[in-house]
Amino acid sequence: MARQAEMFDVPPRPRVARMHVCDAGNCEDASCVQFECAKCGHRSEWVRGMTVTEAKRGLPCPVCNDKR
């Protein structure tokens, strides 16, 4: 029996390089999170108003994903 990947000629989507939390805290009335990319070392500005789940998921790295 053929594998699913062999049955359809759809190439897999490229992986998205994500930045992960490097610093977090509270600023004024909302939570603030700063992200850093493990591949290129890019560090984001402080991002406000994210939930814990959104922060743990990470953000796409603009530097690594721009190279593609």
C-alpha atoms as a PDB file:
ATOM      1  CA  MET A   1       0.000   0.000   0.000  1.00  0.00           C
ATOM      2  CA  ALA A   2       1.325   3.454  -0.928  1.00  0.00           C
ATOM      3  CA  ARG A   3       2.136   6.008   1.675  1.00  0.00           C
ATOM      4  CA  GLN A   4       0.039   9.126   1.880  1.00  0.00           C
ATOM      5  CA  ALA A   5       2.929  11.346   0.761  1.00  0.00           C
ATOM      6  CA  GLU A   6       3.309   9.225  -2.385  1.00  0.00           C
ATOM      7  CA  MET A   7      -0.395   9.392  -3.214  1.00  0.00           C
ATOM      8  CA  PHE A   8      -0.541  13.170  -3.491  1.00  0.00           C
ATOM      9  CA  ASP A   9       1.914  15.440  -5.304  1.00  0.00           C
ATOM     10  CA  VAL A  10       1.703  18.228  -2.737  1.00  0.00           C
ATOM     11  CA  PRO A  11       5.078  19.324  -1.374  1.00  0.00           C
ATOM     12  CA  PRO A  12       5.242  19.843   2.392  1.00  0.00           C
ATOM     13  CA  ARG A  13       5.055  23.406   3.662  1.00  0.00           C
ATOM     14  CA  PRO A  14       8.396  24.896   4.717  1.00  0.00           C
ATOM     15  CA  ARG A  15       8.994  25.098   8.454  1.00  0.00           C
ATOM     16  CA  VAL A  16       8.593  28.500  10.040  1.00  0.00           C
ATOM     17  CA  ALA A  17      11.519  29.600  12.214  1.00  0.00           C
ATOM     18  CA  ARG A  18      10.075  30.868  15.490  1.00  0.00           C
ATOM     19  CA  MET A  19      11.429  33.123  18.204  1.00  0.00           C
ATOM     20  CA  HIS A  20      10.845  32.028  21.787  1.00  0.00           C
ATOM     21  CA  VAL A  21      10.466  33.926  25.052  1.00  0.00           C
ATOM     22  CA  CYS A  22      13.731  35.233  26.507  1.00  0.00           C
ATOM     23  CA  ASP A  23      12.286  37.718  29.016  1.00  0.00           C
ATOM     24  CA  ALA A  24       8.837  38.396  30.435  1.00  0.00           C
ATOM     25  CA  GLY A  25       7.265  40.640  33.023  1.00  0.00           C
ATOM     26  CA  ASN A  26       4.540  43.139  33.802  1.00  0.00           C
ATOM     27  CA  CYS A  27       4.581  46.671  32.458  1.00  0.00           C
ATOM     28  CA  GLU A  28       1.842  49.013  33.627  1.00  0.00           C
ATOM     29  CA  ASP A  29      -1.420  47.069  33.264  1.00  0.00           C
ATOM     30  CA  ALA A  30      -0.469  44.285  30.810  1.00  0.00           C
ATOM     31  CA  SER A  31       2.083  41.527  30.482  1.00  0.00           C
ATOM     32  CA  CYS A  32       5.153  42.242  28.353  1.00  0.00           C
ATOM     33  CA  VAL A  33       7.228  39.621  26.568  1.00  0.00           C
ATOM     34  CA  GLN A  34      10.506  39.819  24.659  1.00  0.00           C
ATOM     35  CA  PHE A  35      11.437  37.151  22.097  1.00  0.00           C
ATOM     36  CA  GLU A  36      14.782  35.892  20.769  1.00  0.00           C
ATOM     37  CA  CYS A  37      15.588  33.636  17.805  1.00  0.00           C
ATOM     38  CA  ALA A  38      17.875  30.692  18.564  1.00  0.00           C
ATOM     39  CA  LYS A  39      19.122  30.518  14.949  1.00  0.00           C
ATOM     40  CA  CYS A  40      20.133  34.096  14.178  1.00  0.00           C
ATOM     41  CA  GLY A  41      19.978  35.800  17.587  1.00  0.00           C
ATOM     42  CA  HIS A  42      17.418  38.429  16.516  1.00  0.00           C
ATOM     43  CA  ARG A  43      15.710  39.989  19.530  1.00  0.00           C
ATOM     44  CA  SER A  44      12.271  41.573  19.348  1.00  0.00           C
ATOM     45  CA  GLU A  45      11.021  44.684  21.061  1.00  0.00           C
ATOM     46  CA  TRP A  46       8.726  44.285  24.060  1.00  0.00           C
ATOM     47  CA  VAL A  47       5.375  42.843  22.967  1.00  0.00           C
ATOM     48  CA  ARG A  48       2.403  43.762  25.150  1.00  0.00           C
ATOM     49  CA  GLY A  49      -0.888  42.035  25.814  1.00  0.00           C
ATOM     50  CA  MET A  50      -0.089  38.421  24.948  1.00  0.00           C
ATOM     51  CA  THR A  51      -1.543  35.491  26.824  1.00  0.00           C
ATOM     52  CA  VAL A  52       0.752  32.822  28.260  1.00  0.00           C
ATOM     53  CA  THR A  53      -0.315  30.362  25.556  1.00  0.00           C
ATOM     54  CA  GLU A  54       0.433  32.824  22.754  1.00  0.00           C
ATOM     55  CA  ALA A  55       3.829  33.631  24.260  1.00  0.00           C
ATOM     56  CA  LYS A  56       4.778  29.955  24.602  1.00  0.00           C
ATOM     57  CA  ARG A  57       3.846  29.363  20.965  1.00  0.00           C
ATOM     58  CA  GLY A  58       6.373  31.993  19.878  1.00  0.00           C
ATOM     59  CA  LEU A  59       6.481  34.438  17.012  1.00  0.00           C
ATOM     60  CA  PRO A  60       7.833  33.933  13.488  1.00  0.00           C
ATOM     61  CA  CYS A  61      11.373  35.318  13.167  1.00  0.00           C
ATOM     62  CA  PRO A  62      11.359  38.126  10.559  1.00  0.00           C
ATOM     63  CA  VAL A  63      15.073  37.680   9.775  1.00  0.00           C
ATOM     64  CA  CYS A  64      15.156  33.883   9.263  1.00  0.00           C
ATOM     65  CA  ASN A  65      11.830  33.718   7.419  1.00  0.00           C
ATOM     66  CA  ASP A  66      12.767  36.628   5.138  1.00  0.00           C
ATOM     67  CA  LYS A  67      15.724  34.627   3.740  1.00  0.00           C
ATOM     68  CA  ARG A  68      13.414  32.059   2.155  1.00  0.00           C
END
